[in-house]
Amino acid sequence: MSDKPVRYQFDPANPPPLTAAQREELGKLAAMRDEDIDLSDIPEKLDWPNAERGRFYRPVKQQLTLRLDADVVHWFKTHAEGGGYQTRINQALRRYVAQRAGKAG
């Protein structure tokens, strides 16, 4: 037996179609209630001392020109502790979008 690792050719952008057995298994898993899932071999970990936020995922940013009222910009600039005012504006817009999406659903 060879010690070389087996290499698989897999393109995540173009995965192979699921087999009937895989579709059936996914259907059963999707139908399960959270309470019915056995997590005994993978206990929940609540302490993440070495976690790094954003290490593997960075949202795509789009640069644009946006005209905002001067008093709104001033408020964000004066209340942006620990982060830039543009980041705070983005967070406020994200919360607004999330709230609206929740009402629409």
PDB file of N, CA and C in Angstrom:
ATOM      1  N   MET A   1       0.838  -1.179   0.000  1.00  0.00           N
ATOM      2  CA  MET A   1       0.000   0.000   0.000  1.00  0.00           C
ATOM      3  C   MET A   1       0.882   1.241   0.000  1.00  0.00           C
ATOM      4  N   SER A   2       0.532   2.242  -0.770  1.00  0.00           N
ATOM      5  CA  SER A   2       1.328   3.449  -0.902  1.00  0.00           C
ATOM      6  C   SER A   2       1.061   4.413   0.251  1.00  0.00           C
ATOM      7  N   ASP A   3       2.109   5.139   0.667  1.00  0.00           N
ATOM      8  CA  ASP A   3       1.963   6.153   1.713  1.00  0.00           C
ATOM      9  C   ASP A   3       1.555   7.508   1.155  1.00  0.00           C
ATOM     10  N   LYS A   4       1.489   7.602  -0.164  1.00  0.00           N
ATOM     11  CA  LYS A   4       1.114   8.870  -0.781  1.00  0.00           C
ATOM     12  C   LYS A   4      -0.367   9.155  -0.537  1.00  0.00           C
ATOM     13  N   PRO A   5      -0.684  10.405  -0.194  1.00  0.00           N
ATOM     14  CA  PRO A   5      -2.105  10.731  -0.018  1.00  0.00           C
ATOM     15  C   PRO A   5      -2.837  10.682  -1.359  1.00  0.00           C
ATOM     16  N   VAL A   6      -4.076  10.292  -1.297  1.00  0.00           N
ATOM     17  CA  VAL A   6      -4.898  10.244  -2.499  1.00  0.00           C
ATOM     18  C   VAL A   6      -5.347  11.663  -2.826  1.00  0.00           C
ATOM     19  N   ARG A   7      -5.192  12.052  -4.060  1.00  0.00           N
ATOM     20  CA  ARG A   7      -5.600  13.395  -4.483  1.00  0.00           C
ATOM     21  C   ARG A   7      -6.868  13.281  -5.320  1.00  0.00           C
ATOM     22  N   TYR A   8      -7.831  14.085  -4.978  1.00  0.00           N
ATOM     23  CA  TYR A   8      -9.088  14.107  -5.713  1.00  0.00           C
ATOM     24  C   TYR A   8      -9.183  15.397  -6.506  1.00  0.00           C
ATOM     25  N   GLN A   9      -9.698  15.309  -7.689  1.00  0.00           N
ATOM     26  CA  GLN A   9      -9.954  16.495  -8.489  1.00  0.00           C
ATOM     27  C   GLN A   9     -11.364  16.962  -8.165  1.00  0.00           C
ATOM     28  N   PHE A  10     -11.479  18.149  -7.580  1.00  0.00           N
ATOM     29  CA  PHE A  10     -12.788  18.660  -7.202  1.00  0.00           C
ATOM     30  C   PHE A  10     -12.819  20.158  -7.437  1.00  0.00           C
ATOM     31  N   ASP A  11     -13.775  20.592  -8.191  1.00  0.00           N
ATOM     32  CA  ASP A  11     -13.963  22.020  -8.450  1.00  0.00           C
ATOM     33  C   ASP A  11     -15.179  22.473  -7.649  1.00  0.00           C
ATOM     34  N   PRO A  12     -14.984  23.238  -6.555  1.00  0.00           N
ATOM     35  CA  PRO A  12     -16.119  23.658  -5.734  1.00  0.00           C
ATOM     36  C   PRO A  12     -17.144  24.491  -6.498  1.00  0.00           C
ATOM     37  N   ALA A  13     -16.710  25.151  -7.543  1.00  0.00           N
ATOM     38  CA  ALA A  13     -17.638  25.949  -8.338  1.00  0.00           C
ATOM     39  C   ALA A  13     -18.501  25.083  -9.251  1.00  0.00           C
ATOM     40  N   ASN A  14     -18.066  23.843  -9.464  1.00  0.00           N
ATOM     41  CA  ASN A  14     -18.796  22.944 -10.356  1.00  0.00           C
ATOM     42  C   ASN A  14     -18.792  21.533  -9.757  1.00  0.00           C
ATOM     43  N   PRO A  15     -19.490  21.350  -8.624  1.00  0.00           N
ATOM     44  CA  PRO A  15     -19.465  20.041  -7.971  1.00  0.00           C
ATOM     45  C   PRO A  15     -20.237  19.004  -8.777  1.00  0.00           C
ATOM     46  N   PRO A  16     -19.899  17.728  -8.579  1.00  0.00           N
ATOM     47  CA  PRO A  16     -20.654  16.682  -9.282  1.00  0.00           C
ATOM     48  C   PRO A  16     -22.074  16.604  -8.723  1.00  0.00           C
ATOM     49  N   PRO A  17     -23.023  16.128  -9.508  1.00  0.00           N
ATOM     50  CA  PRO A  17     -24.401  16.032  -9.015  1.00  0.00           C
ATOM     51  C   PRO A  17     -24.496  15.021  -7.868  1.00  0.00           C
ATOM     52  N   LEU A  18     -25.432  15.275  -6.958  1.00  0.00           N
ATOM     53  CA  LEU A  18     -25.649  14.360  -5.835  1.00  0.00           C
ATOM     54  C   LEU A  18     -26.295  13.075  -6.326  1.00  0.00           C
ATOM     55  N   THR A  19     -25.926  11.994  -5.675  1.00  0.00           N
ATOM     56  CA  THR A  19     -26.569  10.713  -5.999  1.00  0.00           C
ATOM     57  C   THR A  19     -27.940  10.691  -5.328  1.00  0.00           C
ATOM     58  N   ALA A  20     -28.757   9.734  -5.716  1.00  0.00           N
ATOM     59  CA  ALA A  20     -30.086   9.595  -5.110  1.00  0.00           C
ATOM     60  C   ALA A  20     -29.956   9.327  -3.611  1.00  0.00           C
ATOM     61  N   ALA A  21     -28.974   8.513  -3.217  1.00  0.00           N
ATOM     62  CA  ALA A  21     -28.763   8.198  -1.796  1.00  0.00           C
ATOM     63  C   ALA A  21     -28.352   9.457  -1.017  1.00  0.00           C
ATOM     64  N   GLN A  22     -27.511  10.285  -1.619  1.00  0.00           N
ATOM     65  CA  GLN A  22     -27.090  11.518  -0.958  1.00  0.00           C
ATOM     66  C   GLN A  22     -28.274  12.479  -0.791  1.00  0.00           C
ATOM     67  N   ARG A  23     -29.092  12.595  -1.826  1.00  0.00           N
ATOM     68  CA  ARG A  23     -30.274  13.465  -1.745  1.00  0.00           C
ATOM     69  C   ARG A  23     -31.230  12.975  -0.663  1.00  0.00           C
ATOM     70  N   GLU A  24     -31.405  11.649  -0.583  1.00  0.00           N
ATOM     71  CA  GLU A  24     -32.285  11.076   0.434  1.00  0.00           C
ATOM     72  C   GLU A  24     -31.749  11.365   1.837  1.00  0.00           C
ATOM     73  N   GLU A  25     -30.449  11.173   2.037  1.00  0.00           N
ATOM     74  CA  GLU A  25     -29.848  11.428   3.346  1.00  0.00           C
ATOM     75  C   GLU A  25     -29.965  12.903   3.725  1.00  0.00           C
ATOM     76  N   LEU A  26     -29.713  13.794   2.792  1.00  0.00           N
ATOM     77  CA  LEU A  26     -29.839  15.230   3.071  1.00  0.00           C
ATOM     78  C   LEU A  26     -31.279  15.604   3.407  1.00  0.00           C
ATOM     79  N   GLY A  27     -32.225  14.972   2.734  1.00  0.00           N
ATOM     80  CA  GLY A  27     -33.633  15.220   3.030  1.00  0.00           C
ATOM     81  C   GLY A  27     -33.985  14.809   4.449  1.00  0.00           C
ATOM     82  N   LYS A  28     -33.483  13.664   4.884  1.00  0.00           N
ATOM     83  CA  LYS A  28     -33.729  13.196   6.252  1.00  0.00           C
ATOM     84  C   LYS A  28     -33.093  14.131   7.273  1.00  0.00           C
ATOM     85  N   LEU A  29     -31.873  14.562   6.997  1.00  0.00           N
ATOM     86  CA  LEU A  29     -31.194  15.483   7.916  1.00  0.00           C
ATOM     87  C   LEU A  29     -31.932  16.821   8.005  1.00  0.00           C
ATOM     88  N   ALA A  30     -32.385  17.319   6.885  1.00  0.00           N
ATOM     89  CA  ALA A  30     -33.087  18.604   6.876  1.00  0.00           C
ATOM     90  C   ALA A  30     -34.402  18.529   7.642  1.00  0.00           C
ATOM     91  N   ALA A  31     -35.022  17.359   7.655  1.00  0.00           N
ATOM     92  CA  ALA A  31     -36.306  17.186   8.330  1.00  0.00           C
ATOM     93  C   ALA A  31     -36.156  17.019   9.842  1.00  0.00           C
ATOM     94  N   MET A  32     -34.935  16.752  10.322  1.00  0.00           N
ATOM     95  CA  MET A  32     -34.728  16.526  11.754  1.00  0.00           C
ATOM     96  C   MET A  32     -34.865  17.822  12.552  1.00  0.00           C
ATOM     97  N   ARG A  33     -35.395  17.684  13.752  1.00  0.00           N
ATOM     98  CA  ARG A  33     -35.429  18.818  14.679  1.00  0.00           C
ATOM     99  C   ARG A  33     -34.050  18.934  15.323  1.00  0.00           C
ATOM    100  N   ASP A  34     -33.670  20.134  15.712  1.00  0.00           N
ATOM    101  CA  ASP A  34     -32.372  20.333  16.347  1.00  0.00           C
ATOM    102  C   ASP A  34     -32.215  19.467  17.591  1.00  0.00           C
ATOM    103  N   GLU A  35     -33.301  19.290  18.333  1.00  0.00           N
ATOM    104  CA  GLU A  35     -33.249  18.515  19.572  1.00  0.00           C
ATOM    105  C   GLU A  35     -32.941  17.040  19.315  1.00  0.00           C
ATOM    106  N   ASP A  36     -33.227  16.563  18.109  1.00  0.00           N
ATOM    107  CA  ASP A  36     -33.042  15.151  17.792  1.00  0.00           C
ATOM    108  C   ASP A  36     -31.636  14.828  17.274  1.00  0.00           C
ATOM    109  N   ILE A  37     -30.811  15.837  17.118  1.00  0.00           N
ATOM    110  CA  ILE A  37     -29.466  15.614  16.599  1.00  0.00           C
ATOM    111  C   ILE A  37     -28.543  15.216  17.742  1.00  0.00           C
ATOM    112  N   ASP A  38     -27.857  14.088  17.597  1.00  0.00           N
ATOM    113  CA  ASP A  38     -26.943  13.572  18.623  1.00  0.00           C
ATOM    114  C   ASP A  38     -25.602  14.282  18.497  1.00  0.00           C
ATOM    115  N   LEU A  39     -25.288  15.103  19.488  1.00  0.00           N
ATOM    116  CA  LEU A  39     -24.024  15.841  19.493  1.00  0.00           C
ATOM    117  C   LEU A  39     -23.050  15.295  20.528  1.00  0.00           C
ATOM    118  N   SER A  40     -23.280  14.085  21.017  1.00  0.00           N
ATOM    119  CA  SER A  40     -22.452  13.547  22.094  1.00  0.00           C
ATOM    120  C   SER A  40     -20.988  13.379  21.686  1.00  0.00           C
ATOM    121  N   ASP A  41     -20.734  13.129  20.414  1.00  0.00           N
ATOM    122  CA  ASP A  41     -19.348  12.958  19.994  1.00  0.00           C
ATOM    123  C   ASP A  41     -18.706  14.275  19.557  1.00  0.00           C
ATOM    124  N   ILE A  42     -19.480  15.352  19.508  1.00  0.00           N
ATOM    125  CA  ILE A  42     -18.953  16.679  19.180  1.00  0.00           C
ATOM    126  C   ILE A  42     -19.582  17.710  20.126  1.00  0.00           C
ATOM    127  N   PRO A  43     -19.149  17.738  21.373  1.00  0.00           N
ATOM    128  CA  PRO A  43     -19.760  18.643  22.335  1.00  0.00           C
ATOM    129  C   PRO A  43     -19.589  20.109  21.934  1.00  0.00           C
ATOM    130  N   GLU A  44     -20.578  20.908  22.310  1.00  0.00           N
ATOM    131  CA  GLU A  44     -20.543  22.327  21.995  1.00  0.00           C
ATOM    132  C   GLU A  44     -19.387  23.000  22.714  1.00  0.00           C
ATOM    133  N   LYS A  45     -18.680  23.840  21.997  1.00  0.00           N
ATOM    134  CA  LYS A  45     -17.551  24.559  22.577  1.00  0.00           C
ATOM    135  C   LYS A  45     -17.953  26.021  22.688  1.00  0.00           C
ATOM    136  N   LEU A  46     -17.984  26.518  23.912  1.00  0.00           N
ATOM    137  CA  LEU A  46     -18.417  27.890  24.145  1.00  0.00           C
ATOM    138  C   LEU A  46     -17.250  28.858  24.321  1.00  0.00           C
ATOM    139  N   ASP A  47     -16.058  28.344  24.585  1.00  0.00           N
ATOM    140  CA  ASP A  47     -14.899  29.186  24.823  1.00  0.00           C
ATOM    141  C   ASP A  47     -13.986  29.129  23.601  1.00  0.00           C
ATOM    142  N   TRP A  48     -13.772  30.256  22.961  1.00  0.00           N
ATOM    143  CA  TRP A  48     -12.953  30.328  21.757  1.00  0.00           C
ATOM    144  C   TRP A  48     -11.819  31.342  21.962  1.00  0.00           C
ATOM    145  N   PRO A  49     -10.841  31.041  22.817  1.00  0.00           N
ATOM    146  CA  PRO A  49      -9.819  32.038  23.145  1.00  0.00           C
ATOM    147  C   PRO A  49      -8.909  32.398  21.969  1.00  0.00           C
ATOM    148  N   ASN A  50      -8.731  31.509  21.022  1.00  0.00           N
ATOM    149  CA  ASN A  50      -7.820  31.775  19.904  1.00  0.00           C
ATOM    150  C   ASN A  50      -8.546  32.096  18.602  1.00  0.00           C
ATOM    151  N   ALA A  51      -9.830  32.353  18.690  1.00  0.00           N
ATOM    152  CA  ALA A  51     -10.605  32.636  17.483  1.00  0.00           C
ATOM    153  C   ALA A  51     -10.175  33.972  16.887  1.00  0.00           C
ATOM    154  N   GLU A  52     -10.204  34.038  15.577  1.00  0.00           N
ATOM    155  CA  GLU A  52      -9.872  35.264  14.864  1.00  0.00           C
ATOM    156  C   GLU A  52     -11.050  35.634  13.969  1.00  0.00           C
ATOM    157  N   ARG A  53     -11.668  36.762  14.244  1.00  0.00           N
ATOM    158  CA  ARG A  53     -12.803  37.198  13.447  1.00  0.00           C
ATOM    159  C   ARG A  53     -12.342  37.578  12.042  1.00  0.00           C
ATOM    160  N   GLY A  54     -13.073  37.112  11.059  1.00  0.00           N
ATOM    161  CA  GLY A  54     -12.817  37.484   9.676  1.00  0.00           C
ATOM    162  C   GLY A  54     -11.614  36.811   9.034  1.00  0.00           C
ATOM    163  N   ARG A  55     -11.069  35.784   9.653  1.00  0.00           N
ATOM    164  CA  ARG A  55      -9.872  35.144   9.104  1.00  0.00           C
ATOM    165  C   ARG A  55     -10.164  34.445   7.778  1.00  0.00           C
ATOM    166  N   PHE A  56     -11.314  33.803   7.669  1.00  0.00           N
ATOM    167  CA  PHE A  56     -11.616  33.041   6.470  1.00  0.00           C
ATOM    168  C   PHE A  56     -12.688  33.679   5.597  1.00  0.00           C
ATOM    169  N   TYR A  57     -13.387  34.665   6.126  1.00  0.00           N
ATOM    170  CA  TYR A  57     -14.455  35.286   5.338  1.00  0.00           C
ATOM    171  C   TYR A  57     -14.314  36.799   5.404  1.00  0.00           C
ATOM    172  N   ARG A  58     -14.267  37.397   4.277  1.00  0.00           N
ATOM    173  CA  ARG A  58     -14.261  38.847   4.180  1.00  0.00           C
ATOM    174  C   ARG A  58     -15.353  39.231   3.188  1.00  0.00           C
ATOM    175  N   PRO A  59     -16.339  39.997   3.643  1.00  0.00           N
ATOM    176  CA  PRO A  59     -17.378  40.393   2.694  1.00  0.00           C
ATOM    177  C   PRO A  59     -16.790  41.274   1.589  1.00  0.00           C
ATOM    178  N   VAL A  60     -17.343  41.135   0.416  1.00  0.00           N
ATOM    179  CA  VAL A  60     -16.887  41.940  -0.707  1.00  0.00           C
ATOM    180  C   VAL A  60     -17.348  43.369  -0.488  1.00  0.00           C
ATOM    181  N   LYS A  61     -16.433  44.290  -0.567  1.00  0.00           N
ATOM    182  CA  LYS A  61     -16.750  45.705  -0.394  1.00  0.00           C
ATOM    183  C   LYS A  61     -16.860  46.349  -1.770  1.00  0.00           C
ATOM    184  N   GLN A  62     -17.724  47.321  -1.864  1.00  0.00           N
ATOM    185  CA  GLN A  62     -17.891  48.045  -3.113  1.00  0.00           C
ATOM    186  C   GLN A  62     -17.707  49.523  -2.820  1.00  0.00           C
ATOM    187  N   GLN A  63     -16.769  50.136  -3.512  1.00  0.00           N
ATOM    188  CA  GLN A  63     -16.523  51.560  -3.307  1.00  0.00           C
ATOM    189  C   GLN A  63     -17.547  52.355  -4.104  1.00  0.00           C
ATOM    190  N   LEU A  64     -18.106  53.374  -3.446  1.00  0.00           N
ATOM    191  CA  LEU A  64     -19.072  54.215  -4.126  1.00  0.00           C
ATOM    192  C   LEU A  64     -19.042  55.609  -3.522  1.00  0.00           C
ATOM    193  N   THR A  65     -19.656  56.510  -4.228  1.00  0.00           N
ATOM    194  CA  THR A  65     -19.818  57.864  -3.720  1.00  0.00           C
ATOM    195  C   THR A  65     -21.234  57.982  -3.210  1.00  0.00           C
ATOM    196  N   LEU A  66     -21.362  58.448  -1.977  1.00  0.00           N
ATOM    197  CA  LEU A  66     -22.665  58.519  -1.336  1.00  0.00           C
ATOM    198  C   LEU A  66     -22.806  59.880  -0.684  1.00  0.00           C
ATOM    199  N   ARG A  67     -23.888  60.555  -0.949  1.00  0.00           N
ATOM    200  CA  ARG A  67     -24.107  61.874  -0.358  1.00  0.00           C
ATOM    201  C   ARG A  67     -25.021  61.716   0.847  1.00  0.00           C
ATOM    202  N   LEU A  68     -24.488  62.059   2.020  1.00  0.00           N
ATOM    203  CA  LEU A  68     -25.224  61.973   3.270  1.00  0.00           C
ATOM    204  C   LEU A  68     -25.322  63.357   3.890  1.00  0.00           C
ATOM    205  N   ASP A  69     -26.344  63.548   4.718  1.00  0.00           N
ATOM    206  CA  ASP A  69     -26.472  64.816   5.419  1.00  0.00           C
ATOM    207  C   ASP A  69     -25.278  65.021   6.333  1.00  0.00           C
ATOM    208  N   ALA A  70     -24.789  66.257   6.392  1.00  0.00           N
ATOM    209  CA  ALA A  70     -23.583  66.573   7.167  1.00  0.00           C
ATOM    210  C   ALA A  70     -23.740  66.218   8.641  1.00  0.00           C
ATOM    211  N   ASP A  71     -24.940  66.423   9.208  1.00  0.00           N
ATOM    212  CA  ASP A  71     -25.117  66.123  10.625  1.00  0.00           C
ATOM    213  C   ASP A  71     -25.053  64.621  10.896  1.00  0.00           C
ATOM    214  N   VAL A  72     -25.490  63.804   9.942  1.00  0.00           N
ATOM    215  CA  VAL A  72     -25.419  62.349  10.097  1.00  0.00           C
ATOM    216  C   VAL A  72     -23.965  61.906  10.076  1.00  0.00           C
ATOM    217  N   VAL A  73     -23.195  62.408   9.117  1.00  0.00           N
ATOM    218  CA  VAL A  73     -21.777  62.065   9.032  1.00  0.00           C
ATOM    219  C   VAL A  73     -21.059  62.520  10.296  1.00  0.00           C
ATOM    220  N   HIS A  74     -21.355  63.727  10.757  1.00  0.00           N
ATOM    221  CA  HIS A  74     -20.725  64.246  11.974  1.00  0.00           C
ATOM    222  C   HIS A  74     -21.029  63.341  13.168  1.00  0.00           C
ATOM    223  N   TRP A  75     -22.269  62.891  13.299  1.00  0.00           N
ATOM    224  CA  TRP A  75     -22.624  62.026  14.418  1.00  0.00           C
ATOM    225  C   TRP A  75     -21.808  60.729  14.383  1.00  0.00           C
ATOM    226  N   PHE A  76     -21.721  60.105  13.203  1.00  0.00           N
ATOM    227  CA  PHE A  76     -20.958  58.853  13.108  1.00  0.00           C
ATOM    228  C   PHE A  76     -19.475  59.091  13.375  1.00  0.00           C
ATOM    229  N   LYS A  77     -18.932  60.207  12.894  1.00  0.00           N
ATOM    230  CA  LYS A  77     -17.519  60.493  13.135  1.00  0.00           C
ATOM    231  C   LYS A  77     -17.237  60.705  14.616  1.00  0.00           C
ATOM    232  N   THR A  78     -18.155  61.338  15.317  1.00  0.00           N
ATOM    233  CA  THR A  78     -17.916  61.619  16.743  1.00  0.00           C
ATOM    234  C   THR A  78     -18.266  60.444  17.638  1.00  0.00           C
ATOM    235  N   HIS A  79     -18.969  59.443  17.130  1.00  0.00           N
ATOM    236  CA  HIS A  79     -19.361  58.290  17.938  1.00  0.00           C
ATOM    237  C   HIS A  79     -18.673  56.995  17.498  1.00  0.00           C
ATOM    238  N   ALA A  80     -17.641  57.104  16.706  1.00  0.00           N
ATOM    239  CA  ALA A  80     -16.956  55.912  16.186  1.00  0.00           C
ATOM    240  C   ALA A  80     -15.779  55.561  17.083  1.00  0.00           C
ATOM    241  N   GLU A  81     -16.091  54.957  18.246  1.00  0.00           N
ATOM    242  CA  GLU A  81     -15.020  54.526  19.147  1.00  0.00           C
ATOM    243  C   GLU A  81     -14.513  53.160  18.703  1.00  0.00           C
ATOM    244  N   GLY A  82     -13.216  53.038  18.538  1.00  0.00           N
ATOM    245  CA  GLY A  82     -12.634  51.745  18.221  1.00  0.00           C
ATOM    246  C   GLY A  82     -12.818  51.295  16.787  1.00  0.00           C
ATOM    247  N   GLY A  83     -13.320  52.141  15.936  1.00  0.00           N
ATOM    248  CA  GLY A  83     -13.496  51.773  14.533  1.00  0.00           C
ATOM    249  C   GLY A  83     -13.809  53.016  13.729  1.00  0.00           C
ATOM    250  N   GLY A  84     -13.659  52.911  12.442  1.00  0.00           N
ATOM    251  CA  GLY A  84     -13.905  54.060  11.582  1.00  0.00           C
ATOM    252  C   GLY A  84     -15.385  54.362  11.442  1.00  0.00           C
ATOM    253  N   TYR A  85     -15.661  55.602  11.137  1.00  0.00           N
ATOM    254  CA  TYR A  85     -17.069  56.006  11.003  1.00  0.00           C
ATOM    255  C   TYR A  85     -17.735  55.319   9.820  1.00  0.00           C
ATOM    256  N   GLN A  86     -16.983  55.019   8.763  1.00  0.00           N
ATOM    257  CA  GLN A  86     -17.578  54.332   7.617  1.00  0.00           C
ATOM    258  C   GLN A  86     -17.987  52.909   7.998  1.00  0.00           C
ATOM    259  N   THR A  87     -17.185  52.273   8.842  1.00  0.00           N
ATOM    260  CA  THR A  87     -17.538  50.940   9.333  1.00  0.00           C
ATOM    261  C   THR A  87     -18.821  51.012  10.144  1.00  0.00           C
ATOM    262  N   ARG A  88     -18.966  52.036  10.973  1.00  0.00           N
ATOM    263  CA  ARG A  88     -20.177  52.202  11.788  1.00  0.00           C
ATOM    264  C   ARG A  88     -21.399  52.446  10.910  1.00  0.00           C
ATOM    265  N   ILE A  89     -21.241  53.232   9.867  1.00  0.00           N
ATOM    266  CA  ILE A  89     -22.359  53.463   8.943  1.00  0.00           C
ATOM    267  C   ILE A  89     -22.749  52.151   8.267  1.00  0.00           C
ATOM    268  N   ASN A  90     -21.752  51.355   7.851  1.00  0.00           N
ATOM    269  CA  ASN A  90     -22.026  50.064   7.229  1.00  0.00           C
ATOM    270  C   ASN A  90     -22.769  49.141   8.197  1.00  0.00           C
ATOM    271  N   GLN A  91     -22.346  49.133   9.476  1.00  0.00           N
ATOM    272  CA  GLN A  91     -23.015  48.297  10.472  1.00  0.00           C
ATOM    273  C   GLN A  91     -24.465  48.732  10.670  1.00  0.00           C
ATOM    274  N   ALA A  92     -24.701  50.038  10.707  1.00  0.00           N
ATOM    275  CA  ALA A  92     -26.065  50.546  10.877  1.00  0.00           C
ATOM    276  C   ALA A  92     -26.934  50.157   9.685  1.00  0.00           C
ATOM    277  N   LEU A  93     -26.395  50.266   8.487  1.00  0.00           N
ATOM    278  CA  LEU A  93     -27.149  49.877   7.296  1.00  0.00           C
ATOM    279  C   LEU A  93     -27.405  48.377   7.281  1.00  0.00           C
ATOM    280  N   ARG A  94     -26.427  47.584   7.707  1.00  0.00           N
ATOM    281  CA  ARG A  94     -26.600  46.130   7.756  1.00  0.00           C
ATOM    282  C   ARG A  94     -27.718  45.748   8.726  1.00  0.00           C
ATOM    283  N   ARG A  95     -27.754  46.394   9.909  1.00  0.00           N
ATOM    284  CA  ARG A  95     -28.833  46.120  10.880  1.00  0.00           C
ATOM    285  C   ARG A  95     -30.190  46.490  10.281  1.00  0.00           C
ATOM    286  N   TYR A  96     -30.244  47.618   9.591  1.00  0.00           N
ATOM    287  CA  TYR A  96     -31.495  48.061   8.962  1.00  0.00           C
ATOM    288  C   TYR A  96     -31.964  47.026   7.934  1.00  0.00           C
ATOM    289  N   VAL A  97     -31.044  46.556   7.096  1.00  0.00           N
ATOM    290  CA  VAL A  97     -31.390  45.570   6.075  1.00  0.00           C
ATOM    291  C   VAL A  97     -31.869  44.275   6.726  1.00  0.00           C
ATOM    292  N   ALA A  98     -31.177  43.840   7.789  1.00  0.00           N
ATOM    293  CA  ALA A  98     -31.561  42.598   8.475  1.00  0.00           C
ATOM    294  C   ALA A  98     -32.956  42.726   9.077  1.00  0.00           C
ATOM    295  N   GLN A  99     -33.261  43.880   9.670  1.00  0.00           N
ATOM    296  CA  GLN A  99     -34.596  44.088  10.237  1.00  0.00           C
ATOM    297  C   GLN A  99     -35.664  44.067   9.157  1.00  0.00           C
ATOM    298  N   ARG A 100     -35.400  44.711   8.047  1.00  0.00           N
ATOM    299  CA  ARG A 100     -36.368  44.746   6.948  1.00  0.00           C
ATOM    300  C   ARG A 100     -36.547  43.367   6.331  1.00  0.00           C
ATOM    301  N   ALA A 101     -35.468  42.612   6.212  1.00  0.00           N
ATOM    302  CA  ALA A 101     -35.555  41.265   5.648  1.00  0.00           C
ATOM    303  C   ALA A 101     -36.373  40.372   6.556  1.00  0.00           C
ATOM    304  N   GLY A 102     -36.242  40.560   7.872  1.00  0.00           N
ATOM    305  CA  GLY A 102     -37.027  39.778   8.822  1.00  0.00           C
ATOM    306  C   GLY A 102     -38.509  40.086   8.744  1.00  0.00           C
ATOM    307  N   LYS A 103     -38.854  41.335   8.489  1.00  0.00           N
ATOM    308  CA  LYS A 103     -40.269  41.724   8.367  1.00  0.00           C
ATOM    309  C   LYS A 103     -40.872  41.219   7.059  1.00  0.00           C
ATOM    310  N   ALA A 104     -40.047  41.163   6.011  1.00  0.00           N
ATOM    311  CA  ALA A 104     -40.552  40.725   4.704  1.00  0.00           C
ATOM    312  C   ALA A 104     -40.796  39.216   4.689  1.00  0.00           C
ATOM    313  N   GLY A 105     -40.000  38.456   5.507  1.00  0.00           N
ATOM    314  CA  GLY A 105     -40.119  37.006   5.488  1.00  0.00           C
ATOM    315  C   GLY A 105     -41.244  36.563   6.310  1.00  0.00           C
TER     316      GLY A 105
END
